Amino acid sequence: MMTTDIDDDEVKRQVTQKLVEKNPGWDRHEVETVVEEEFAELAGRPVRDYLSILTERAARKRLKKAGKPAV
């Protein structure tokens, strides 16, 4: 089984930064909140290797669903 040493705070910071850079009209605080919540949902799963991309996708989907235009 492959394990990866992941710094959770760094993952959340990178995902937030990436989403805000790609979607400058989104409120940074709202993005941070959504990223925190989506990360928490995914973090308890057994395979953590894809936490960053899964968190980004879930947060983007949720923000788009809330009516935020995305790039």
N, C-alpha and C. Protein backbone atom coordinates (compact mmCIF):
# COMPACT_ATOMS: atom_id res chain seq x y z
N MET A 1 0.84 -1.18 0.00
CA MET A 1 0.00 0.00 0.00
C MET A 1 0.88 1.24 0.00
N MET A 2 0.60 2.16 -0.88
CA MET A 2 1.38 3.38 -1.00
C MET A 2 0.79 4.45 -0.09
N THR A 3 1.64 5.11 0.68
CA THR A 3 1.17 6.22 1.51
C THR A 3 1.92 7.47 1.11
N THR A 4 1.25 8.59 1.27
CA THR A 4 1.84 9.87 0.94
C THR A 4 1.72 10.77 2.15
N ASP A 5 2.80 11.43 2.51
CA ASP A 5 2.78 12.36 3.63
C ASP A 5 2.16 13.66 3.13
N ILE A 6 0.94 13.93 3.55
CA ILE A 6 0.21 15.09 3.07
C ILE A 6 0.01 16.08 4.21
N ASP A 7 0.38 17.32 3.98
CA ASP A 7 0.13 18.39 4.94
C ASP A 7 -1.25 18.95 4.60
N ASP A 8 -2.23 18.65 5.44
CA ASP A 8 -3.61 19.03 5.16
C ASP A 8 -3.78 20.53 4.95
N ASP A 9 -3.15 21.34 5.78
CA ASP A 9 -3.27 22.80 5.65
C ASP A 9 -2.71 23.27 4.31
N GLU A 10 -1.63 22.67 3.88
CA GLU A 10 -1.02 23.05 2.59
C GLU A 10 -1.94 22.67 1.43
N VAL A 11 -2.54 21.50 1.50
CA VAL A 11 -3.47 21.07 0.46
C VAL A 11 -4.62 22.07 0.36
N LYS A 12 -5.21 22.42 1.50
CA LYS A 12 -6.34 23.35 1.50
C LYS A 12 -5.93 24.73 0.98
N ARG A 13 -4.73 25.17 1.36
CA ARG A 13 -4.24 26.47 0.89
C ARG A 13 -4.06 26.47 -0.61
N GLN A 14 -3.45 25.41 -1.14
CA GLN A 14 -3.22 25.32 -2.58
C GLN A 14 -4.52 25.24 -3.37
N VAL A 15 -5.46 24.46 -2.89
CA VAL A 15 -6.75 24.33 -3.58
C VAL A 15 -7.47 25.67 -3.58
N THR A 16 -7.50 26.34 -2.44
CA THR A 16 -8.15 27.65 -2.35
C THR A 16 -7.49 28.63 -3.31
N GLN A 17 -6.17 28.68 -3.30
CA GLN A 17 -5.44 29.61 -4.17
C GLN A 17 -5.73 29.34 -5.64
N LYS A 18 -5.73 28.07 -6.01
CA LYS A 18 -5.97 27.70 -7.40
C LYS A 18 -7.38 28.12 -7.85
N LEU A 19 -8.37 27.85 -7.00
CA LEU A 19 -9.74 28.21 -7.35
C LEU A 19 -9.93 29.72 -7.45
N VAL A 20 -9.33 30.47 -6.53
CA VAL A 20 -9.45 31.93 -6.54
C VAL A 20 -8.74 32.53 -7.75
N GLU A 21 -7.57 31.98 -8.10
CA GLU A 21 -6.83 32.48 -9.27
C GLU A 21 -7.61 32.23 -10.56
N LYS A 22 -8.24 31.06 -10.66
CA LYS A 22 -8.99 30.72 -11.87
C LYS A 22 -10.36 31.39 -11.91
N ASN A 23 -10.85 31.85 -10.77
CA ASN A 23 -12.18 32.44 -10.66
C ASN A 23 -12.11 33.70 -9.82
N PRO A 24 -11.53 34.78 -10.36
CA PRO A 24 -11.30 35.99 -9.57
C PRO A 24 -12.58 36.65 -9.03
N GLY A 25 -13.73 36.32 -9.58
CA GLY A 25 -14.97 36.89 -9.08
C GLY A 25 -15.50 36.22 -7.83
N TRP A 26 -14.90 35.10 -7.45
CA TRP A 26 -15.35 34.37 -6.27
C TRP A 26 -14.77 35.01 -5.02
N ASP A 27 -15.56 35.07 -3.97
CA ASP A 27 -15.13 35.60 -2.69
C ASP A 27 -14.16 34.61 -2.03
N ARG A 28 -12.97 35.08 -1.70
CA ARG A 28 -11.94 34.19 -1.14
C ARG A 28 -12.40 33.52 0.15
N HIS A 29 -13.07 34.27 1.01
CA HIS A 29 -13.54 33.69 2.27
C HIS A 29 -14.54 32.56 2.02
N GLU A 30 -15.43 32.76 1.08
CA GLU A 30 -16.41 31.71 0.76
C GLU A 30 -15.71 30.48 0.18
N VAL A 31 -14.73 30.70 -0.69
CA VAL A 31 -13.97 29.58 -1.26
C VAL A 31 -13.24 28.83 -0.15
N GLU A 32 -12.60 29.54 0.76
CA GLU A 32 -11.90 28.90 1.87
C GLU A 32 -12.85 28.04 2.70
N THR A 33 -14.04 28.57 2.97
CA THR A 33 -15.03 27.84 3.77
C THR A 33 -15.46 26.57 3.07
N VAL A 34 -15.75 26.67 1.77
CA VAL A 34 -16.19 25.51 1.00
C VAL A 34 -15.06 24.49 0.91
N VAL A 35 -13.85 24.93 0.67
CA VAL A 35 -12.71 24.03 0.59
C VAL A 35 -12.52 23.30 1.92
N GLU A 36 -12.60 24.02 3.03
CA GLU A 36 -12.48 23.40 4.36
C GLU A 36 -13.53 22.30 4.54
N GLU A 37 -14.78 22.61 4.19
CA GLU A 37 -15.87 21.65 4.38
C GLU A 37 -15.71 20.43 3.47
N GLU A 38 -15.37 20.67 2.21
CA GLU A 38 -15.21 19.55 1.27
C GLU A 38 -14.01 18.70 1.66
N PHE A 39 -12.94 19.33 2.10
CA PHE A 39 -11.75 18.59 2.53
C PHE A 39 -12.10 17.70 3.72
N ALA A 40 -12.84 18.25 4.67
CA ALA A 40 -13.23 17.49 5.86
C ALA A 40 -14.05 16.26 5.47
N GLU A 41 -14.91 16.39 4.47
CA GLU A 41 -15.71 15.26 3.99
C GLU A 41 -14.82 14.16 3.41
N LEU A 42 -13.80 14.56 2.68
CA LEU A 42 -12.94 13.61 1.98
C LEU A 42 -11.79 13.07 2.83
N ALA A 43 -11.36 13.81 3.81
CA ALA A 43 -10.15 13.48 4.57
C ALA A 43 -10.25 12.16 5.34
N GLY A 44 -11.43 11.75 5.69
CA GLY A 44 -11.57 10.52 6.45
C GLY A 44 -11.55 9.26 5.63
N ARG A 45 -11.44 9.40 4.34
CA ARG A 45 -11.44 8.24 3.46
C ARG A 45 -10.08 7.54 3.49
N PRO A 46 -10.07 6.24 3.19
CA PRO A 46 -8.82 5.47 3.31
C PRO A 46 -7.69 5.91 2.36
N VAL A 47 -8.02 6.28 1.15
CA VAL A 47 -6.98 6.67 0.18
C VAL A 47 -6.90 8.18 0.12
N ARG A 48 -5.76 8.73 0.55
CA ARG A 48 -5.60 10.18 0.61
C ARG A 48 -4.74 10.73 -0.53
N ASP A 49 -4.31 9.87 -1.43
CA ASP A 49 -3.41 10.30 -2.49
C ASP A 49 -4.01 11.36 -3.41
N TYR A 50 -5.32 11.38 -3.55
CA TYR A 50 -5.97 12.29 -4.48
C TYR A 50 -6.80 13.36 -3.75
N LEU A 51 -6.49 13.61 -2.50
CA LEU A 51 -7.25 14.57 -1.71
C LEU A 51 -7.30 15.95 -2.35
N SER A 52 -6.19 16.41 -2.87
CA SER A 52 -6.12 17.75 -3.45
C SER A 52 -7.09 17.90 -4.62
N ILE A 53 -7.01 17.02 -5.59
CA ILE A 53 -7.85 17.14 -6.79
C ILE A 53 -9.31 16.87 -6.46
N LEU A 54 -9.57 15.92 -5.57
CA LEU A 54 -10.96 15.64 -5.20
C LEU A 54 -11.58 16.81 -4.45
N THR A 55 -10.80 17.44 -3.57
CA THR A 55 -11.29 18.61 -2.85
C THR A 55 -11.56 19.75 -3.82
N GLU A 56 -10.65 19.97 -4.75
CA GLU A 56 -10.83 21.04 -5.74
C GLU A 56 -12.09 20.82 -6.56
N ARG A 57 -12.27 19.62 -7.05
CA ARG A 57 -13.45 19.32 -7.88
C ARG A 57 -14.75 19.48 -7.10
N ALA A 58 -14.77 18.98 -5.87
CA ALA A 58 -15.99 19.08 -5.06
C ALA A 58 -16.31 20.54 -4.72
N ALA A 59 -15.28 21.31 -4.38
CA ALA A 59 -15.49 22.72 -4.05
C ALA A 59 -15.95 23.50 -5.28
N ARG A 60 -15.32 23.25 -6.43
CA ARG A 60 -15.72 23.95 -7.66
C ARG A 60 -17.17 23.63 -8.01
N LYS A 61 -17.53 22.36 -7.92
CA LYS A 61 -18.90 21.95 -8.23
C LYS A 61 -19.91 22.63 -7.30
N ARG A 62 -19.57 22.65 -6.03
CA ARG A 62 -20.47 23.26 -5.04
C ARG A 62 -20.61 24.76 -5.26
N LEU A 63 -19.51 25.44 -5.55
CA LEU A 63 -19.55 26.89 -5.78
C LEU A 63 -20.31 27.21 -7.06
N LYS A 64 -20.13 26.40 -8.10
CA LYS A 64 -20.86 26.61 -9.35
C LYS A 64 -22.36 26.41 -9.12
N LYS A 65 -22.70 25.39 -8.33
CA LYS A 65 -24.10 25.10 -8.03
C LYS A 65 -24.73 26.26 -7.27
N ALA A 66 -23.92 26.97 -6.48
CA ALA A 66 -24.41 28.12 -5.72
C ALA A 66 -24.55 29.37 -6.59
N GLY A 67 -24.28 29.21 -7.88
CA GLY A 67 -24.46 30.33 -8.80
C GLY A 67 -23.23 31.16 -9.05
N LYS A 68 -22.08 30.65 -8.66
CA LYS A 68 -20.83 31.36 -8.91
C LYS A 68 -20.33 30.99 -10.30
N PRO A 69 -20.17 31.96 -11.19
CA PRO A 69 -19.63 31.62 -12.51
C PRO A 69 -18.19 31.14 -12.38
N ALA A 70 -17.87 30.08 -13.08
CA ALA A 70 -16.53 29.50 -12.99
C ALA A 70 -15.83 29.52 -14.33
N VAL A 71 -14.53 29.47 -14.25
CA VAL A 71 -13.70 29.39 -15.45
C VAL A 71 -13.33 27.96 -15.65
